[in-house]
Amino acid sequence: SFFSTKTGVYLLQDGNEEPFNIRLHLAKDILTIQEQDVICVSGEPFYSSERTVTIRRQTIGGFGLSIKGGAEHKIPVVISKISKEQKGKLSFFVFFINGINVRSYRHEEAVQVLRNAGEEVTLTVSFLKKTPAFLKLPLCEDCTCVPSDQSSGTSSPLCDSGLHLNYHPNNTDSLSCSSWPTSPGLRWEKRWVDLRLIPLLHSRLSQHIPGSDVCRKHAFQVIAVDGVCSGVITCPTAEDCLDWLQAIAANISALTKHNVKKINRNFPVNQQIIYMGWVDEKEQDSGQDRMYSPKFLALKGSSLFKFSAPPVTTWDWTRAEKSYTVYEIMCKVLKDSDLLDKRKHCFSIQTECGEDMFYSVELECELLIWEKAFQMATFLEVERIQCKTYACIMESHLMGLTVDFSMGFVCFDAASKAVLWRYKFSQLKGSSDDGKSKIKFLFQNQDNKAIEAKELEFSNLFAVLHCIHAFFAAKVACLDPMFVESQGAATTAGGVSTLTSVSCNTQTSRIKYSI
């Protein structure tokens, strides 16, 4: 009940090729992209004599060919695309690759053999009889004759798989059914066959042109964790596109939640994962052509981790690009007036050093999930540590300032440990800083209601400011019934926090503890 299922027919643009029709099927943990294919369902096609050719891998373009087909389609492995340099050397059907018989291989098995062939490959190939007519089989719904000027322009994926190598709008060859290859018992059918399978766990969605802030119109792509891309899928309307994005995002979120729950069994209570997900990070150097790069963020225990790829093993957690203490950084969801470019659904993180980092997600629901998860992670860590002490200087004397969840602010002499003053959180009426090292606190005396100013100097100004904000936010959160309820819902029977769950199809109000 937590997962969406959808099916629909759309356009797919794969690389520089023309768009062609595909069918999408969304299941619990996988997105299946299918293409229409004409396959032999009975009998065996006739082949001409075989011959052997040898080609070398080029610096650009590799071997200069693409292969389709395979045992799962009940056809041999097919060379579907040949570069200009290789035309004339190659026939269409491949039987041996470097001496390996691939007649009964599945498509992926044949691709792997070709990839591992080294710098030179020897192919044993053969033509199919009546190849020209066969390669131009129309993808009509029945076996009636379809003239070339009425066809869809999509050549048979059996050999082209949407690459449109054999169809040309000016082609005058007859596409009538009488030109199909014939033999006793030979029968062909048009079917939907799998073109690409995208596992959804840790996959990412993108509506934007890679690296830019330009959003595609009614189109998106899904990139698997291993880098396999769906290609650009175009929907007829914006509503249909959003519906697919939300459904896919909901399944990814549910899979992530389930995966995190399993991983957390191996971590102690203070090292539990609260959030994992993809974002796009804005490049600091605005002069670069690439404005955004995909990053994987994770909230685990006291830290925010930034990865270039999702952590899979325990060792991966030690190889993060960056890590930050959650209560010493500040997260801000950007309003429309604060956005830096055309990207929506953005947030910023200010580090303990004062550095600002900007991130973007694809959907509003993803932004909500991140915001609630960050608030939860900060609250849990403040609740766990209860207090934090920072060294400071007041009136040329070395001091210590403790921010205590129960007591408030406590300032003491670093040498004697004698307490000089203390104030509750409610007594702080204002503060200011110089952006470098000094903070001026304004506290109200409980007895005479007078405002008392205390100026302290820190070597890590931003870390102190963010820590104070985190303690205030956690204090206010304890008084917010909505937050208390959401905290209870995100806690297992053993008291271990799990990934925050937010539906991508509902409009849930935000937690209200910002100050």
Protein backbone atom coordinates (compact mmCIF):
# COMPACT_ATOMS: atom_id res chain seq x y z
CA SER A 1 0.00 0.00 0.00
CA PHE A 2 3.02 2.30 0.31
CA PHE A 3 4.03 1.92 -3.34
CA SER A 4 2.59 3.34 -6.56
CA THR A 5 2.03 1.41 -9.80
CA LYS A 6 1.52 3.15 -13.14
CA THR A 7 1.61 2.32 -16.84
CA GLY A 8 1.54 4.69 -19.81
CA VAL A 9 2.83 5.24 -23.34
CA TYR A 10 5.10 8.23 -23.90
CA LEU A 11 7.96 9.55 -26.02
CA LEU A 12 11.59 8.76 -25.24
CA GLN A 13 14.59 10.61 -26.59
CA ASP A 14 17.75 8.58 -26.17
CA GLY A 15 20.90 10.56 -26.88
CA ASN A 16 20.80 12.48 -30.15
CA GLU A 17 18.27 10.18 -31.79
CA GLU A 18 14.73 11.20 -32.71
CA PRO A 19 12.03 10.56 -30.04
CA PHE A 20 10.16 7.26 -30.31
CA ASN A 21 7.24 5.65 -28.51
CA ILE A 22 7.90 3.69 -25.35
CA ARG A 23 5.76 2.25 -22.59
CA LEU A 24 6.54 2.98 -18.93
CA HIS A 25 5.62 0.62 -16.15
CA LEU A 26 6.23 1.68 -12.56
CA ALA A 27 6.39 -1.11 -10.00
CA LYS A 28 7.42 -1.21 -6.35
CA ASP A 29 11.17 -1.20 -6.89
CA ILE A 30 11.76 -0.88 -10.61
CA LEU A 31 10.83 1.35 -13.56
CA THR A 32 10.52 -0.66 -16.76
CA ILE A 33 10.90 1.05 -20.13
CA GLN A 34 9.56 -0.99 -23.02
CA GLU A 35 9.68 -0.54 -26.79
CA GLN A 36 7.56 -2.07 -29.52
CA ASP A 37 9.30 -4.94 -31.26
CA VAL A 38 8.43 -7.32 -34.08
CA ILE A 39 9.57 -10.79 -33.07
CA CYS A 40 9.50 -14.21 -34.64
CA VAL A 41 7.03 -16.28 -32.61
CA SER A 42 7.21 -19.45 -34.69
CA GLY A 43 9.56 -20.94 -37.25
CA GLU A 44 13.17 -19.92 -37.88
CA PRO A 45 14.34 -17.09 -40.17
CA PHE A 46 16.62 -18.02 -43.10
CA TYR A 47 20.21 -16.85 -43.00
CA SER A 48 22.78 -16.49 -45.75
CA SER A 49 26.34 -17.76 -45.55
CA GLU A 50 28.56 -16.52 -42.75
CA ARG A 51 31.74 -14.49 -43.04
CA THR A 52 34.34 -13.20 -40.60
CA VAL A 53 35.50 -9.59 -40.21
CA THR A 54 37.98 -7.95 -37.83
CA ILE A 55 37.65 -4.36 -36.61
CA ARG A 56 39.69 -2.26 -34.21
CA ARG A 57 38.47 -0.07 -31.36
CA GLN A 58 38.72 3.64 -32.20
CA THR A 59 39.77 6.38 -29.76
CA ILE A 60 36.40 8.06 -30.30
CA GLY A 61 33.32 5.94 -30.84
CA GLY A 62 34.75 2.59 -29.80
CA PHE A 63 34.06 -0.17 -32.34
CA GLY A 64 31.54 2.04 -34.13
CA LEU A 65 28.57 -0.28 -33.74
CA SER A 66 25.63 -1.00 -31.47
CA ILE A 67 23.93 -4.35 -30.91
CA LYS A 68 20.34 -5.25 -30.13
CA GLY A 69 18.23 -8.39 -29.92
CA GLY A 70 19.16 -11.52 -28.02
CA ALA A 71 17.72 -14.80 -26.81
CA GLU A 72 15.05 -13.08 -24.70
CA HIS A 73 13.55 -11.72 -27.96
CA LYS A 74 13.81 -15.08 -29.75
CA ILE A 75 16.18 -13.61 -32.34
CA PRO A 76 19.96 -13.61 -32.76
CA VAL A 77 22.13 -10.73 -31.62
CA VAL A 78 21.71 -7.90 -34.15
CA ILE A 79 24.06 -5.10 -35.19
CA SER A 80 21.61 -2.20 -35.04
CA LYS A 81 23.87 0.76 -35.74
CA ILE A 82 27.05 1.01 -37.78
CA SER A 83 29.29 4.07 -38.04
CA LYS A 84 30.24 5.42 -41.45
CA GLU A 85 33.76 4.08 -40.98
CA GLN A 86 32.54 0.50 -40.44
CA LYS A 87 29.82 0.34 -43.10
CA GLY A 88 30.68 -2.10 -45.85
CA LYS A 89 32.69 -4.24 -43.44
CA LEU A 90 29.84 -5.66 -41.38
CA SER A 91 26.71 -7.70 -42.00
CA PHE A 92 23.79 -7.73 -39.61
CA PHE A 93 23.46 -10.90 -37.55
CA VAL A 94 26.32 -11.82 -35.22
CA PHE A 95 27.08 -15.45 -34.41
CA PHE A 96 30.59 -15.35 -32.94
CA ILE A 97 32.50 -12.60 -31.06
CA ASN A 98 36.20 -13.43 -30.77
CA GLY A 99 35.33 -17.09 -31.19
CA ILE A 100 32.56 -17.03 -28.56
CA ASN A 101 29.27 -18.42 -29.84
CA VAL A 102 26.62 -15.84 -28.94
CA ARG A 103 23.71 -17.34 -30.88
CA SER A 104 21.83 -18.20 -27.70
CA TYR A 105 23.08 -15.23 -25.61
CA ARG A 106 20.80 -12.67 -24.06
CA HIS A 107 21.35 -9.06 -25.09
CA GLU A 108 23.25 -7.98 -21.96
CA GLU A 109 25.47 -11.05 -22.13
CA ALA A 110 26.45 -10.22 -25.73
CA VAL A 111 27.09 -6.57 -24.81
CA GLN A 112 29.42 -7.66 -22.01
CA VAL A 113 31.37 -9.92 -24.37
CA LEU A 114 31.80 -7.03 -26.82
CA ARG A 115 32.89 -4.63 -24.07
CA ASN A 116 35.54 -7.06 -22.89
CA ALA A 117 36.82 -7.80 -26.40
CA GLY A 118 39.94 -5.65 -26.05
CA GLU A 119 41.32 -3.37 -28.74
CA GLU A 120 40.45 -5.70 -31.62
CA VAL A 121 37.37 -7.83 -32.19
CA THR A 122 36.70 -10.59 -34.70
CA LEU A 123 33.05 -11.09 -35.63
CA THR A 124 31.42 -13.94 -37.50
CA VAL A 125 28.34 -12.40 -39.09
CA SER A 126 25.58 -13.14 -41.60
CA PHE A 127 22.81 -11.40 -43.52
CA LEU A 128 19.20 -12.37 -43.06
CA LYS A 129 17.56 -13.15 -46.39
CA LYS A 130 15.31 -10.29 -47.59
CA THR A 131 16.97 -8.03 -45.06
CA PRO A 132 15.89 -4.67 -46.62
CA ALA A 133 12.20 -5.54 -46.40
CA PHE A 134 12.58 -7.11 -42.99
CA LEU A 135 14.32 -4.10 -41.49
CA LYS A 136 11.47 -1.83 -42.57
CA LEU A 137 8.64 -3.77 -40.96
CA PRO A 138 5.90 -1.27 -40.05
CA LEU A 139 4.70 -1.22 -36.46
CA CYS A 140 1.03 -1.31 -37.39
CA GLU A 141 -1.59 -2.75 -35.09
CA ASP A 142 -2.60 -5.50 -37.51
CA CYS A 143 -1.26 -7.23 -40.61
CA THR A 144 -2.77 -4.80 -43.10
CA CYS A 145 -0.62 -2.95 -45.58
CA VAL A 146 0.61 0.49 -44.41
CA PRO A 147 2.02 2.80 -47.12
CA SER A 148 5.33 4.46 -46.32
CA ASP A 149 3.87 7.96 -46.23
CA GLN A 150 1.40 6.88 -43.53
CA SER A 151 3.79 5.06 -41.27
CA SER A 152 4.85 6.48 -37.92
CA GLY A 153 8.49 6.75 -38.93
CA THR A 154 9.54 4.25 -36.29
CA SER A 155 11.57 1.39 -37.75
CA SER A 156 11.46 -2.02 -36.21
CA PRO A 157 13.13 -2.04 -32.79
CA LEU A 158 14.06 -5.60 -33.63
CA CYS A 159 17.04 -4.15 -35.46
CA ASP A 160 16.95 -0.41 -34.75
CA SER A 161 15.48 -0.21 -31.28
CA GLY A 162 14.36 3.33 -31.95
CA LEU A 163 17.59 4.38 -33.64
CA HIS A 164 15.79 5.00 -36.95
CA LEU A 165 18.69 3.75 -39.08
CA ASN A 166 16.63 2.04 -41.74
CA TYR A 167 13.64 4.34 -42.08
CA HIS A 168 13.72 7.49 -44.15
CA PRO A 169 10.61 9.58 -44.95
CA ASN A 170 11.60 9.62 -48.64
CA ASN A 171 12.04 5.86 -48.81
CA THR A 172 10.04 4.58 -51.76
CA ASP A 173 10.39 0.88 -50.97
CA SER A 174 7.12 -0.89 -50.37
CA LEU A 175 6.31 -1.59 -46.72
CA SER A 176 3.51 -3.97 -47.53
CA CYS A 177 3.10 -7.14 -45.56
CA SER A 178 3.85 -9.11 -48.71
CA SER A 179 7.49 -8.02 -48.37
CA TRP A 180 7.90 -9.65 -44.96
CA PRO A 181 10.30 -12.60 -44.92
CA THR A 182 8.35 -15.76 -45.48
CA SER A 183 8.92 -19.45 -44.96
CA PRO A 184 6.71 -22.37 -43.94
CA GLY A 185 5.58 -21.84 -40.32
CA LEU A 186 7.26 -18.43 -40.01
CA ARG A 187 5.06 -15.99 -38.03
CA TRP A 188 5.83 -12.49 -36.69
CA GLU A 189 4.08 -10.50 -33.97
CA LYS A 190 4.44 -6.98 -32.60
CA ARG A 191 4.97 -6.94 -28.83
CA TRP A 192 6.20 -4.67 -26.05
CA VAL A 193 9.64 -5.84 -24.95
CA ASP A 194 11.93 -4.51 -22.21
CA LEU A 195 14.30 -1.82 -23.39
CA ARG A 196 15.68 -0.70 -20.04
CA LEU A 197 15.16 -1.57 -16.37
CA ILE A 198 15.84 1.16 -13.81
CA PRO A 199 16.12 -0.06 -10.19
CA LEU A 200 14.59 2.65 -8.01
CA LEU A 201 16.56 2.26 -4.78
CA HIS A 202 18.88 5.30 -4.59
CA SER A 203 17.95 6.37 -8.12
CA ARG A 204 17.38 10.06 -8.79
CA LEU A 205 14.89 12.10 -10.78
CA SER A 206 15.75 15.10 -12.92
CA GLN A 207 13.55 17.49 -14.85
CA HIS A 208 16.49 19.78 -15.58
CA ILE A 209 19.03 19.73 -18.38
CA PRO A 210 22.12 18.23 -16.65
CA GLY A 211 24.20 20.85 -14.83
CA SER A 212 21.85 23.74 -15.60
CA ASP A 213 18.87 25.55 -14.08
CA VAL A 214 16.77 25.00 -17.23
CA CYS A 215 13.74 22.80 -16.60
CA ARG A 216 12.51 20.61 -19.43
CA LYS A 217 8.92 21.07 -20.52
CA HIS A 218 6.75 18.11 -19.47
CA ALA A 219 9.82 15.86 -19.46
CA PHE A 220 12.08 14.07 -16.99
CA GLN A 221 14.65 11.32 -16.72
CA VAL A 222 15.50 8.73 -14.07
CA ILE A 223 19.13 7.85 -13.35
CA ALA A 224 19.86 4.58 -11.55
CA VAL A 225 22.48 4.34 -8.83
CA ASP A 226 24.88 2.67 -11.29
CA GLY A 227 24.50 5.57 -13.75
CA VAL A 228 22.11 3.89 -16.20
CA CYS A 229 19.76 6.60 -17.51
CA SER A 230 16.21 6.18 -18.72
CA GLY A 231 16.64 8.82 -21.40
CA VAL A 232 14.42 11.90 -21.59
CA ILE A 233 10.78 10.85 -21.17
CA THR A 234 8.27 13.38 -22.48
CA CYS A 235 4.67 13.45 -21.24
CA PRO A 236 1.76 15.10 -23.10
CA THR A 237 0.89 17.52 -20.26
CA ALA A 238 2.50 19.11 -17.22
CA GLU A 239 -0.07 17.40 -14.97
CA ASP A 240 0.79 13.97 -16.36
CA CYS A 241 4.50 14.67 -15.91
CA LEU A 242 4.03 15.78 -12.30
CA ASP A 243 1.89 12.73 -11.59
CA TRP A 244 4.69 10.44 -12.79
CA LEU A 245 7.36 12.37 -10.88
CA GLN A 246 5.39 12.17 -7.64
CA ALA A 247 4.65 8.46 -8.09
CA ILE A 248 8.30 7.61 -8.80
CA ALA A 249 9.53 9.84 -5.97
CA ALA A 250 7.08 8.19 -3.55
CA ASN A 251 8.41 4.72 -4.45
CA ILE A 252 12.02 5.87 -4.11
CA SER A 253 11.21 7.39 -0.71
CA ALA A 254 9.47 4.21 0.50
CA LEU A 255 12.37 2.03 -0.67
CA THR A 256 14.88 4.34 1.02
CA LYS A 257 12.93 4.24 4.26
CA HIS A 258 12.85 0.44 4.19
CA ASN A 259 16.57 0.25 3.38
CA VAL A 260 17.48 2.69 6.17
CA LYS A 261 15.48 0.66 8.65
CA LYS A 262 17.58 -2.40 7.79
CA ILE A 263 20.88 -0.49 7.91
CA ASN A 264 20.06 1.07 11.29
CA ARG A 265 20.01 -2.37 12.89
CA ASN A 266 23.81 -2.34 12.60
CA PHE A 267 24.30 1.11 14.15
CA PRO A 268 24.02 2.19 17.80
CA VAL A 269 21.23 4.54 18.89
CA ASN A 270 23.41 7.66 18.61
CA GLN A 271 24.46 6.75 15.03
CA GLN A 272 21.08 6.14 13.43
CA ILE A 273 20.36 7.33 9.89
CA ILE A 274 17.60 9.96 9.69
CA TYR A 275 17.77 10.88 6.01
CA MET A 276 19.33 9.79 2.71
CA GLY A 277 18.69 11.29 -0.70
CA TRP A 278 19.93 12.99 -3.87
CA VAL A 279 20.22 16.76 -4.29
CA ASP A 280 21.85 19.05 -6.84
CA GLU A 281 24.59 21.27 -5.41
CA LYS A 282 25.19 24.69 -6.95
CA GLU A 283 28.81 25.12 -7.99
CA GLN A 284 30.68 27.84 -6.09
CA ASP A 285 32.48 29.00 -9.24
CA SER A 286 29.73 30.69 -11.24
CA GLY A 287 32.08 30.96 -14.23
CA GLN A 288 31.92 27.24 -14.88
CA ASP A 289 29.65 25.88 -17.60
CA ARG A 290 28.20 23.34 -15.19
CA MET A 291 26.10 25.16 -12.61
CA TYR A 292 24.92 22.13 -10.63
CA SER A 293 26.33 18.72 -9.71
CA PRO A 294 24.45 15.76 -8.17
CA LYS A 295 25.32 14.99 -4.56
CA PHE A 296 24.01 12.45 -2.08
CA LEU A 297 23.22 13.81 1.40
CA ALA A 298 22.79 11.70 4.53
CA LEU A 299 21.92 12.65 8.10
CA LYS A 300 23.40 10.09 10.46
CA GLY A 301 23.78 10.55 14.20
CA SER A 302 25.38 13.92 14.90
CA SER A 303 26.57 14.52 11.33
CA LEU A 304 25.48 15.61 7.88
CA PHE A 305 27.46 13.70 5.22
CA LYS A 306 27.94 14.72 1.60
CA PHE A 307 28.82 11.99 -0.93
CA SER A 308 29.27 11.78 -4.67
CA ALA A 309 27.50 8.37 -4.57
CA PRO A 310 25.28 6.62 -1.98
CA PRO A 311 27.18 4.84 0.82
CA VAL A 312 26.70 1.09 0.58
CA THR A 313 29.23 -0.38 3.03
CA THR A 314 30.31 0.74 6.49
CA TRP A 315 33.64 1.76 4.97
CA ASP A 316 31.85 4.15 2.58
CA TRP A 317 30.78 6.32 5.52
CA THR A 318 34.42 7.14 6.21
CA ARG A 319 34.93 8.35 2.63
CA ALA A 320 32.43 11.20 2.52
CA GLU A 321 33.46 14.34 0.63
CA LYS A 322 32.47 16.46 3.64
CA SER A 323 30.84 15.99 7.03
CA TYR A 324 29.35 18.57 9.38
CA THR A 325 27.97 18.51 12.93
CA VAL A 326 24.22 19.07 12.60
CA TYR A 327 23.85 21.49 15.53
CA GLU A 328 26.75 23.64 14.29
CA ILE A 329 25.30 24.28 10.82
CA MET A 330 22.24 26.25 9.76
CA CYS A 331 19.67 25.13 7.19
CA LYS A 332 17.34 27.58 5.49
CA VAL A 333 14.62 26.79 2.96
CA LEU A 334 14.73 29.51 0.31
CA LYS A 335 11.64 31.54 -0.50
CA ASP A 336 10.90 32.59 -4.07
CA SER A 337 12.55 35.97 -3.47
CA ASP A 338 15.73 34.26 -2.24
CA LEU A 339 16.22 31.91 -5.21
CA LEU A 340 19.50 32.34 -7.07
CA ASP A 341 18.32 31.28 -10.53
CA LYS A 342 15.47 29.46 -12.29
CA ARG A 343 15.62 26.44 -9.97
CA LYS A 344 12.83 26.06 -7.44
CA HIS A 345 12.68 23.93 -4.27
CA CYS A 346 16.06 25.09 -2.95
CA PHE A 347 17.68 25.30 0.47
CA SER A 348 20.97 26.63 1.81
CA ILE A 349 23.33 25.33 4.46
CA GLN A 350 25.71 27.63 6.29
CA THR A 351 28.64 25.70 7.74
CA GLU A 352 30.44 26.26 11.03
CA CYS A 353 32.99 28.32 9.06
CA GLY A 354 30.34 30.63 7.63
CA GLU A 355 30.46 29.11 4.13
CA ASP A 356 27.12 29.04 2.30
CA MET A 357 26.17 26.02 0.18
CA PHE A 358 23.08 25.91 -2.01
CA TYR A 359 21.11 22.81 -2.96
CA SER A 360 18.13 22.03 -5.15
CA VAL A 361 15.65 19.14 -5.22
CA GLU A 362 13.16 18.32 -7.95
CA LEU A 363 9.87 18.32 -6.04
CA GLU A 364 8.33 20.27 -3.19
CA CYS A 365 7.62 17.03 -1.33
CA GLU A 366 11.35 16.21 -1.42
CA LEU A 367 12.12 19.61 0.08
CA LEU A 368 9.60 18.96 2.85
CA ILE A 369 11.13 15.55 3.59
CA TRP A 370 14.60 17.12 3.85
CA GLU A 371 13.41 19.99 6.07
CA LYS A 372 11.63 17.72 8.53
CA ALA A 373 14.55 15.27 8.59
CA PHE A 374 17.09 18.03 9.34
CA GLN A 375 14.91 19.39 12.14
CA MET A 376 14.52 15.90 13.55
CA ALA A 377 18.24 15.14 13.39
CA THR A 378 19.09 18.43 15.11
CA PHE A 379 16.49 17.90 17.83
CA LEU A 380 17.62 14.35 18.57
CA GLU A 381 21.27 15.35 18.79
CA VAL A 382 20.57 18.33 21.08
CA GLU A 383 18.40 16.09 23.23
CA ARG A 384 21.23 13.55 23.40
CA ILE A 385 24.17 15.87 24.26
CA GLN A 386 22.06 18.20 26.50
CA CYS A 387 24.85 20.81 26.67
CA LYS A 388 27.75 22.20 24.66
CA THR A 389 30.66 24.34 25.90
CA TYR A 390 32.75 26.78 23.86
CA ALA A 391 35.91 28.61 24.88
CA CYS A 392 35.61 32.40 24.74
CA ILE A 393 37.17 35.64 25.95
CA MET A 394 35.37 38.25 28.05
CA GLU A 395 37.15 41.40 29.13
CA SER A 396 40.53 39.83 28.22
CA HIS A 397 39.90 36.79 30.44
CA LEU A 398 39.62 33.21 29.17
CA MET A 399 36.11 31.95 29.82
CA GLY A 400 33.82 29.13 28.93
CA LEU A 401 30.21 29.49 27.73
CA THR A 402 27.94 26.48 28.18
CA VAL A 403 24.67 26.25 26.30
CA ASP A 404 22.59 23.90 28.45
CA PHE A 405 19.24 22.45 27.32
CA SER A 406 17.83 22.60 30.86
CA MET A 407 19.58 25.60 32.41
CA GLY A 408 20.17 27.99 29.51
CA PHE A 409 23.43 30.03 29.32
CA VAL A 410 26.20 29.53 31.86
CA CYS A 411 29.48 31.51 31.76
CA PHE A 412 32.38 30.39 33.94
CA ASP A 413 36.04 31.18 34.50
CA ALA A 414 38.21 28.73 32.55
CA ALA A 415 40.84 28.49 35.30
CA SER A 416 38.78 28.34 38.50
CA LYS A 417 35.56 26.95 36.96
CA ALA A 418 33.68 29.52 39.06
CA VAL A 419 30.32 30.50 37.53
CA LEU A 420 30.21 34.22 36.70
CA TRP A 421 26.65 34.45 35.47
CA ARG A 422 23.76 32.36 34.17
CA TYR A 423 20.53 33.11 32.32
CA LYS A 424 17.58 31.05 31.12
CA PHE A 425 16.74 30.85 27.44
CA SER A 426 13.66 32.99 28.10
CA GLN A 427 15.86 35.79 29.46
CA LEU A 428 17.67 36.29 26.14
CA LYS A 429 15.98 39.32 24.58
CA GLY A 430 18.36 39.95 21.72
CA SER A 431 21.81 39.47 20.31
CA SER A 432 24.13 40.80 17.64
CA ASP A 433 27.49 39.84 16.19
CA ASP A 434 30.20 41.47 14.09
CA GLY A 435 30.39 38.58 11.62
CA LYS A 436 33.93 37.77 12.70
CA SER A 437 34.34 36.78 16.36
CA LYS A 438 32.22 38.84 18.79
CA ILE A 439 28.67 38.22 20.04
CA LYS A 440 26.78 40.70 22.19
CA PHE A 441 23.98 39.11 24.26
CA LEU A 442 21.14 41.11 25.80
CA PHE A 443 19.65 39.35 28.83
CA GLN A 444 16.79 40.57 31.05
CA ASN A 445 17.35 40.45 34.79
CA GLN A 446 14.48 38.51 36.37
CA ASP A 447 14.45 40.66 39.52
CA ASN A 448 14.61 44.24 38.27
CA LYS A 449 13.75 43.56 34.57
CA ALA A 450 16.83 45.54 33.51
CA ILE A 451 18.65 44.58 30.29
CA GLU A 452 22.19 43.35 30.92
CA ALA A 453 24.68 43.19 28.04
CA LYS A 454 27.38 40.52 27.84
CA GLU A 455 29.97 40.61 25.05
CA LEU A 456 32.00 37.48 24.34
CA GLU A 457 34.63 36.74 21.72
CA PHE A 458 34.87 33.31 20.05
CA SER A 459 37.31 31.75 17.61
CA ASN A 460 34.46 29.78 15.98
CA LEU A 461 31.70 32.39 15.80
CA PHE A 462 29.36 30.68 13.32
CA ALA A 463 29.51 27.31 15.12
CA VAL A 464 28.45 29.04 18.36
CA LEU A 465 25.64 30.98 16.69
CA HIS A 466 24.29 27.85 14.97
CA CYS A 467 24.53 25.84 18.19
CA ILE A 468 22.52 28.45 20.10
CA HIS A 469 19.93 28.46 17.33
CA ALA A 470 19.73 24.65 17.42
CA PHE A 471 19.17 24.62 21.20
CA PHE A 472 16.50 27.30 20.92
CA ALA A 473 14.80 25.41 18.09
CA ALA A 474 14.85 22.17 20.06
CA LYS A 475 13.44 23.96 23.10
CA VAL A 476 10.59 25.42 21.08
CA ALA A 477 9.99 22.05 19.36
CA CYS A 478 9.28 20.45 22.71
CA LEU A 479 6.34 22.84 23.10
CA ASP A 480 4.95 22.15 19.60
CA PRO A 481 2.33 19.36 19.69
CA MET A 482 2.74 18.77 15.94
CA PHE A 483 6.47 18.14 16.33
CA VAL A 484 6.05 15.94 19.41
CA GLU A 485 3.48 13.86 17.51
CA SER A 486 5.73 13.55 14.43
CA GLN A 487 8.66 12.55 16.65
CA GLY A 488 6.61 9.77 18.17
CA ALA A 489 5.51 8.57 14.74
CA ALA A 490 9.13 8.40 13.57
CA THR A 491 10.30 6.31 16.52
CA THR A 492 10.30 2.53 16.66
CA ALA A 493 9.24 0.48 19.67
CA GLY A 494 12.86 0.38 20.78
CA GLY A 495 13.11 4.16 20.80
CA VAL A 496 15.29 4.38 17.69
CA SER A 497 14.53 7.17 15.26
CA THR A 498 14.00 6.19 11.65
CA LEU A 499 13.79 8.04 8.36
CA THR A 500 11.12 10.72 8.28
CA SER A 501 8.23 9.61 6.07
CA VAL A 502 6.31 12.17 4.01
CA SER A 503 3.98 11.31 1.14
CA CYS A 504 4.81 13.01 -2.16
CA ASN A 505 1.11 13.21 -2.98
CA THR A 506 -0.09 15.16 0.06
CA GLN A 507 0.37 18.72 1.27
CA THR A 508 1.62 18.33 4.83
CA SER A 509 2.15 21.51 6.83
CA ARG A 510 5.68 22.26 7.97
CA ILE A 511 7.01 22.01 11.51
CA LYS A 512 6.78 25.43 13.11
CA TYR A 513 9.80 25.71 15.36
CA SER A 514 11.95 28.14 13.35
CA ILE A 515 13.00 31.22 15.35
